[in-house]
Amino acid sequence: MAILTSANVATAIVKLVAADALPALLGNLVMGNLVNRDYEPVLAQTGDTVNVPIPPTLVANNIAEGGTVQTQNPNLGNAQIVLNTHVEATFQIPDVTKVLAVPDLLKLYMQPAVVAIAERIESDLLGLYPSFTANTPVGTGGTPITEAVVDAAESTLFQAQMPSSAAKYLVVDSVTYSTLRQIPRFSEFQTAGEAGLRALIDGAVGKMKDFYIFRSQFVTKTGSSPVTTHNLAFGRDAVGLVVRRLPQPLPGTGAIAEYAELGNFGMRVTMSYQPNTLAQQFTVDALYGAGVLRNAFGVQVNS
């Protein structure tokens, strides 16, 4: 039978915090849940470069009777993403035993830390919009989005040979989202059926012009008058989010860390004692990098 020690209790506390951290983080992500996530439980440091392979393109050969196959030598594509962002959110709990007795208190402490990390990841992913240079941006800055602009974005991705079976996403800000759900043809039952009813009553646009439409508070805006909103239309393989493990703290330093890993995403949760405040300090941090994988699979949708 295992012996109950202070070390066992401390480890159990960190595991409990880690178990609550990651599901809450994923629940607050929009872009982070749509892009291609690359995660491996290998230790890395800030500044490391990760090579993400990109599938090659092959052509179909019409082989005549008695003919021979044509051997192709495709080059495996490669996208280099630098792990250049180490984000953390730290908080202190004066009486950690009270938190263990009342689990809801733990969520009150964890939620702000998790939301802060999620917001940083969202901002970094949506801030990649200038990197999509293969396609000409659609829409005009300072002008409300229209059905024709959404149609042009979908046509652009189709002409870029993005697979028809691949899901297409359009992430917009709140104003653009509001404009989309007021387009008459898509917000009335008599023209859009059940989807129009949902847009009218539930406020959810859902799907339009083959795009799954989401809204985010962190869509990048530039300029002053007029303000240009850089919404983004893309496929999953257009953007890569690479996450790697951070190392454990040195033994004997009084800090205990556990990893929270789920759905190609991972974070580290570290607990340490702060004698100046007589409190337990928790740090939730993640090491990641974001970059463009397939430039042609994304297009700016300005409004």
Protein backbone atom coordinates (compact mmCIF):
# COMPACT_ATOMS: atom_id res chain seq x y z
CA MET A 1 0.00 0.00 0.00
CA ALA A 2 1.30 3.44 -0.93
CA ILE A 3 2.33 5.67 1.95
CA LEU A 4 0.66 9.08 2.08
CA THR A 5 3.31 11.78 2.15
CA SER A 6 3.43 15.51 1.61
CA ALA A 7 5.17 14.87 -1.72
CA ASN A 8 2.33 12.63 -2.86
CA VAL A 9 -0.25 15.23 -1.86
CA ALA A 10 1.65 17.99 -3.68
CA THR A 11 1.87 15.90 -6.85
CA ALA A 12 -1.85 15.10 -6.63
CA ILE A 13 -2.66 18.82 -6.35
CA VAL A 14 -0.71 19.65 -9.51
CA LYS A 15 -2.34 16.77 -11.39
CA LEU A 16 -5.76 18.04 -10.35
CA VAL A 17 -4.97 21.54 -11.60
CA ALA A 18 -3.55 20.18 -14.87
CA ALA A 19 -6.63 18.04 -15.46
CA ASP A 20 -8.85 21.14 -15.34
CA ALA A 21 -6.54 23.37 -17.37
CA LEU A 22 -6.44 21.88 -20.85
CA PRO A 23 -10.16 21.14 -21.47
CA ALA A 24 -10.91 24.72 -20.42
CA LEU A 25 -8.25 26.03 -22.79
CA LEU A 26 -9.54 24.10 -25.80
CA GLY A 27 -13.05 25.29 -25.01
CA ASN A 28 -11.91 28.91 -25.35
CA LEU A 29 -10.08 28.48 -28.66
CA VAL A 30 -11.59 29.25 -32.06
CA MET A 31 -8.67 29.35 -34.51
CA GLY A 32 -6.68 26.95 -32.38
CA ASN A 33 -9.33 24.28 -32.90
CA LEU A 34 -9.52 24.80 -36.68
CA VAL A 35 -5.89 24.83 -37.80
CA ASN A 36 -3.47 21.95 -38.25
CA ARG A 37 -2.04 21.24 -34.79
CA ASP A 38 1.31 19.48 -34.54
CA TYR A 39 2.22 18.20 -31.10
CA GLU A 40 4.86 15.79 -29.85
CA PRO A 41 5.75 15.15 -26.20
CA VAL A 42 9.41 15.95 -26.79
CA LEU A 43 11.27 18.59 -24.85
CA ALA A 44 12.04 21.83 -26.65
CA GLN A 45 13.23 25.34 -25.93
CA THR A 46 12.25 28.77 -27.16
CA GLY A 47 13.83 29.41 -30.54
CA ASP A 48 13.87 25.79 -31.70
CA THR A 49 12.72 25.15 -35.28
CA VAL A 50 10.26 22.39 -36.15
CA ASN A 51 10.05 21.02 -39.69
CA VAL A 52 6.46 20.22 -40.61
CA PRO A 53 6.19 17.96 -43.71
CA ILE A 54 3.80 18.93 -46.51
CA PRO A 55 2.48 16.17 -48.83
CA PRO A 56 3.80 16.32 -52.41
CA THR A 57 1.67 16.66 -55.54
CA LEU A 58 1.45 13.71 -57.96
CA VAL A 59 -0.09 13.48 -61.41
CA ALA A 60 -2.15 10.66 -62.90
CA ASN A 61 -0.64 8.94 -65.93
CA ASN A 62 -2.83 7.30 -68.56
CA ILE A 63 -1.00 4.06 -69.21
CA ALA A 64 -1.70 2.53 -72.63
CA GLU A 65 -1.92 -1.18 -73.24
CA GLY A 66 1.59 -2.57 -73.21
CA GLY A 67 2.96 0.69 -71.89
CA THR A 68 5.05 1.29 -68.78
CA VAL A 69 4.46 3.30 -65.65
CA GLN A 70 5.97 6.72 -65.30
CA THR A 71 7.98 6.95 -62.13
CA GLN A 72 7.56 10.23 -60.34
CA ASN A 73 10.05 11.72 -57.94
CA PRO A 74 7.98 14.05 -55.80
CA ASN A 75 9.66 16.36 -53.36
CA LEU A 76 8.20 16.30 -49.89
CA GLY A 77 7.34 19.85 -48.97
CA ASN A 78 8.55 21.37 -45.75
CA ALA A 79 7.40 24.26 -43.60
CA GLN A 80 9.66 25.54 -40.87
CA ILE A 81 7.90 26.87 -37.80
CA VAL A 82 9.91 28.46 -35.01
CA LEU A 83 8.88 27.88 -31.42
CA ASN A 84 9.14 31.57 -30.66
CA THR A 85 6.33 32.04 -28.14
CA HIS A 86 6.45 30.95 -24.51
CA VAL A 87 3.28 32.15 -22.81
CA GLU A 88 2.46 31.86 -19.15
CA ALA A 89 -0.26 32.81 -16.70
CA THR A 90 0.53 32.72 -12.99
CA PHE A 91 -1.71 32.95 -9.96
CA GLN A 92 -1.44 32.30 -6.24
CA ILE A 93 -3.75 30.40 -3.90
CA PRO A 94 -3.37 31.27 -0.18
CA ASP A 95 -5.08 28.14 1.12
CA VAL A 96 -4.74 25.33 -1.42
CA THR A 97 -6.43 22.80 0.87
CA LYS A 98 -9.65 24.81 0.69
CA VAL A 99 -9.52 24.59 -3.09
CA LEU A 100 -9.20 20.82 -2.91
CA ALA A 101 -12.25 20.67 -0.63
CA VAL A 102 -14.30 22.90 -2.94
CA PRO A 103 -13.45 22.03 -6.60
CA ASP A 104 -15.49 24.95 -7.95
CA LEU A 105 -12.99 27.33 -6.36
CA LEU A 106 -10.24 25.77 -8.46
CA LYS A 107 -12.14 26.63 -11.63
CA LEU A 108 -12.48 30.23 -10.45
CA TYR A 109 -8.69 30.44 -10.17
CA MET A 110 -7.95 28.48 -13.36
CA GLN A 111 -10.36 30.16 -15.75
CA PRO A 112 -8.62 33.56 -16.01
CA ALA A 113 -5.23 31.92 -16.53
CA VAL A 114 -6.53 29.60 -19.22
CA VAL A 115 -8.44 32.36 -21.01
CA ALA A 116 -5.32 34.55 -21.07
CA ILE A 117 -3.33 31.83 -22.85
CA ALA A 118 -6.17 31.09 -25.26
CA GLU A 119 -6.44 34.78 -26.18
CA ARG A 120 -2.72 34.97 -26.94
CA ILE A 121 -2.87 31.91 -29.19
CA GLU A 122 -5.90 33.29 -31.04
CA SER A 123 -4.22 36.64 -31.61
CA ASP A 124 -1.05 35.02 -32.95
CA LEU A 125 -2.91 32.75 -35.36
CA LEU A 126 -5.16 35.51 -36.70
CA GLY A 127 -2.12 37.78 -36.95
CA LEU A 128 -0.75 35.53 -39.71
CA TYR A 129 -3.04 37.16 -42.29
CA PRO A 130 -0.21 39.14 -44.03
CA SER A 131 1.58 35.84 -44.75
CA PHE A 132 -1.15 34.71 -47.13
CA THR A 133 0.28 36.22 -50.28
CA ALA A 134 -0.53 33.52 -52.85
CA ASN A 135 -4.09 34.78 -53.32
CA THR A 136 -5.30 38.32 -53.88
CA PRO A 137 -7.35 39.56 -50.89
CA VAL A 138 -11.09 39.88 -51.45
CA GLY A 139 -13.35 42.57 -50.04
CA THR A 140 -12.64 46.20 -49.28
CA GLY A 141 -11.47 47.64 -46.00
CA GLY A 142 -14.06 49.72 -44.18
CA THR A 143 -16.87 48.27 -46.33
CA PRO A 144 -19.46 45.81 -44.99
CA ILE A 145 -19.01 42.27 -46.23
CA THR A 146 -21.43 41.04 -48.89
CA GLU A 147 -22.54 37.71 -50.29
CA ALA A 148 -20.42 38.38 -53.36
CA VAL A 149 -17.27 38.75 -51.25
CA VAL A 150 -17.88 35.43 -49.48
CA ASP A 151 -18.52 33.83 -52.87
CA ALA A 152 -15.25 35.28 -54.20
CA ALA A 153 -13.31 33.89 -51.24
CA GLU A 154 -14.70 30.39 -51.83
CA SER A 155 -13.95 30.62 -55.55
CA THR A 156 -10.40 31.71 -54.77
CA LEU A 157 -9.74 28.64 -52.63
CA PHE A 158 -11.32 26.38 -55.25
CA GLN A 159 -9.12 27.84 -58.00
CA ALA A 160 -6.11 27.31 -55.72
CA GLN A 161 -6.92 23.58 -55.99
CA MET A 162 -7.84 23.17 -52.37
CA PRO A 163 -9.50 19.71 -52.14
CA SER A 164 -13.27 19.89 -52.36
CA SER A 165 -13.53 17.38 -49.52
CA ALA A 166 -11.55 19.63 -47.17
CA ALA A 167 -13.56 21.81 -44.80
CA LYS A 168 -13.37 25.55 -45.43
CA TYR A 169 -13.51 28.04 -42.57
CA LEU A 170 -14.22 31.75 -42.42
CA VAL A 171 -13.27 33.49 -39.17
CA VAL A 172 -14.60 37.04 -38.84
CA ASP A 173 -15.00 39.72 -36.19
CA SER A 174 -18.29 40.44 -34.44
CA VAL A 175 -19.34 43.28 -36.78
CA THR A 176 -18.76 41.19 -39.90
CA TYR A 177 -20.56 38.24 -38.34
CA SER A 178 -23.53 40.48 -37.59
CA THR A 179 -23.56 41.69 -41.21
CA LEU A 180 -23.49 38.11 -42.51
CA ARG A 181 -26.50 37.02 -40.50
CA GLN A 182 -28.48 39.99 -41.79
CA ILE A 183 -28.04 39.15 -45.47
CA PRO A 184 -31.70 38.61 -46.44
CA ARG A 185 -31.21 35.47 -48.54
CA PHE A 186 -29.50 33.69 -45.64
CA SER A 187 -31.50 34.97 -42.67
CA GLU A 188 -35.06 34.28 -43.76
CA PHE A 189 -36.91 30.98 -43.56
CA GLN A 190 -38.58 31.45 -46.95
CA THR A 191 -35.20 31.73 -48.71
CA ALA A 192 -32.79 29.68 -46.58
CA GLY A 193 -35.12 27.26 -44.81
CA GLU A 194 -34.02 25.88 -41.43
CA ALA A 195 -30.59 27.56 -41.71
CA GLY A 196 -32.25 30.95 -42.12
CA LEU A 197 -34.43 30.28 -39.09
CA ARG A 198 -31.36 29.49 -36.98
CA ALA A 199 -29.65 32.67 -38.14
CA LEU A 200 -32.75 34.69 -37.30
CA ILE A 201 -33.61 33.16 -33.92
CA ASP A 202 -30.42 31.58 -32.59
CA GLY A 203 -28.07 34.13 -34.13
CA ALA A 204 -25.86 31.41 -35.63
CA VAL A 205 -24.76 31.80 -39.23
CA GLY A 206 -23.56 28.21 -39.44
CA LYS A 207 -22.51 27.53 -43.02
CA MET A 208 -22.55 29.81 -46.02
CA LYS A 209 -21.09 29.33 -49.50
CA ASP A 210 -19.36 26.13 -48.28
CA PHE A 211 -17.71 28.00 -45.39
CA TYR A 212 -18.16 27.09 -41.74
CA ILE A 213 -18.34 30.56 -40.23
CA PHE A 214 -16.96 31.46 -36.82
CA ARG A 215 -16.46 34.76 -35.04
CA SER A 216 -13.54 35.79 -32.91
CA GLN A 217 -12.80 38.82 -30.79
CA PHE A 218 -9.19 38.79 -31.94
CA VAL A 219 -9.47 39.32 -35.68
CA THR A 220 -6.77 41.84 -36.60
CA LYS A 221 -7.77 45.42 -37.44
CA THR A 222 -5.51 48.01 -39.01
CA GLY A 223 -5.84 51.67 -39.93
CA SER A 224 -7.92 54.38 -38.30
CA SER A 225 -10.30 55.89 -40.84
CA PRO A 226 -11.47 53.65 -42.29
CA VAL A 227 -10.56 50.63 -40.16
CA THR A 228 -9.74 47.52 -42.16
CA THR A 229 -10.78 44.21 -40.61
CA HIS A 230 -8.63 41.32 -41.80
CA ASN A 231 -10.99 38.36 -41.67
CA LEU A 232 -9.53 35.06 -42.78
CA ALA A 233 -10.84 32.28 -45.05
CA PHE A 234 -8.76 29.11 -45.03
CA GLY A 235 -8.53 25.36 -44.94
CA ARG A 236 -7.12 23.37 -42.04
CA ASP A 237 -3.75 22.80 -43.71
CA ALA A 238 -3.24 26.49 -44.41
CA VAL A 239 -2.00 27.21 -40.89
CA GLY A 240 0.11 25.17 -38.51
CA LEU A 241 0.20 25.45 -34.73
CA VAL A 242 3.21 23.60 -33.35
CA VAL A 243 3.35 22.87 -29.61
CA ARG A 244 6.16 21.18 -27.70
CA ARG A 245 6.81 20.20 -24.10
CA LEU A 246 8.72 22.42 -21.73
CA PRO A 247 11.25 20.74 -19.40
CA GLN A 248 10.54 19.80 -15.81
CA PRO A 249 11.97 22.11 -13.11
CA LEU A 250 15.23 21.03 -11.53
CA PRO A 251 14.80 18.48 -8.70
CA GLY A 252 15.09 19.91 -5.22
CA THR A 253 14.09 23.44 -6.21
CA GLY A 254 10.72 23.19 -4.50
CA ALA A 255 8.69 23.22 -7.71
CA ILE A 256 6.51 20.39 -9.03
CA ALA A 257 5.26 20.23 -12.63
CA GLU A 258 2.78 18.10 -14.52
CA TYR A 259 1.85 18.06 -18.21
CA ALA A 260 -1.68 18.53 -19.49
CA GLU A 261 -1.96 17.00 -22.95
CA LEU A 262 -5.04 16.52 -25.08
CA GLY A 263 -5.95 16.72 -28.77
CA ASN A 264 -2.51 17.62 -30.17
CA PHE A 265 -2.04 20.29 -27.57
CA GLY A 266 -0.04 20.42 -24.36
CA MET A 267 0.74 22.72 -21.46
CA ARG A 268 2.84 22.57 -18.32
CA VAL A 269 1.41 23.30 -14.88
CA THR A 270 3.97 24.15 -12.19
CA MET A 271 3.34 24.57 -8.46
CA SER A 272 5.81 26.23 -6.13
CA TYR A 273 5.73 27.82 -2.66
CA GLN A 274 6.15 31.55 -2.26
CA PRO A 275 7.42 32.34 1.27
CA ASN A 276 6.89 36.10 0.86
CA THR A 277 3.16 35.65 0.48
CA LEU A 278 2.78 32.29 2.27
CA ALA A 279 0.86 31.00 -0.73
CA GLN A 280 1.11 28.29 -3.35
CA GLN A 281 1.94 29.68 -6.78
CA PHE A 282 0.66 28.02 -9.94
CA THR A 283 2.06 28.75 -13.39
CA VAL A 284 0.34 27.52 -16.53
CA ASP A 285 2.59 27.86 -19.57
CA ALA A 286 2.95 26.62 -23.13
CA LEU A 287 5.64 26.73 -25.80
CA TYR A 288 4.41 27.07 -29.36
CA GLY A 289 4.94 28.53 -32.78
CA ALA A 290 2.49 29.39 -35.54
CA GLY A 291 3.07 29.68 -39.26
CA VAL A 292 1.66 29.21 -42.74
CA LEU A 293 1.82 25.68 -44.15
CA ARG A 294 0.00 26.00 -47.49
CA ASN A 295 -0.06 29.61 -48.63
CA ALA A 296 -2.58 28.98 -51.41
CA PHE A 297 -5.14 27.53 -48.97
CA GLY A 298 -5.81 30.86 -47.29
CA VAL A 299 -7.12 34.25 -48.39
CA GLN A 300 -7.72 37.56 -46.64
CA VAL A 301 -11.34 38.66 -46.55
CA ASN A 302 -11.28 42.37 -45.80
CA SER A 303 -14.19 44.38 -44.51
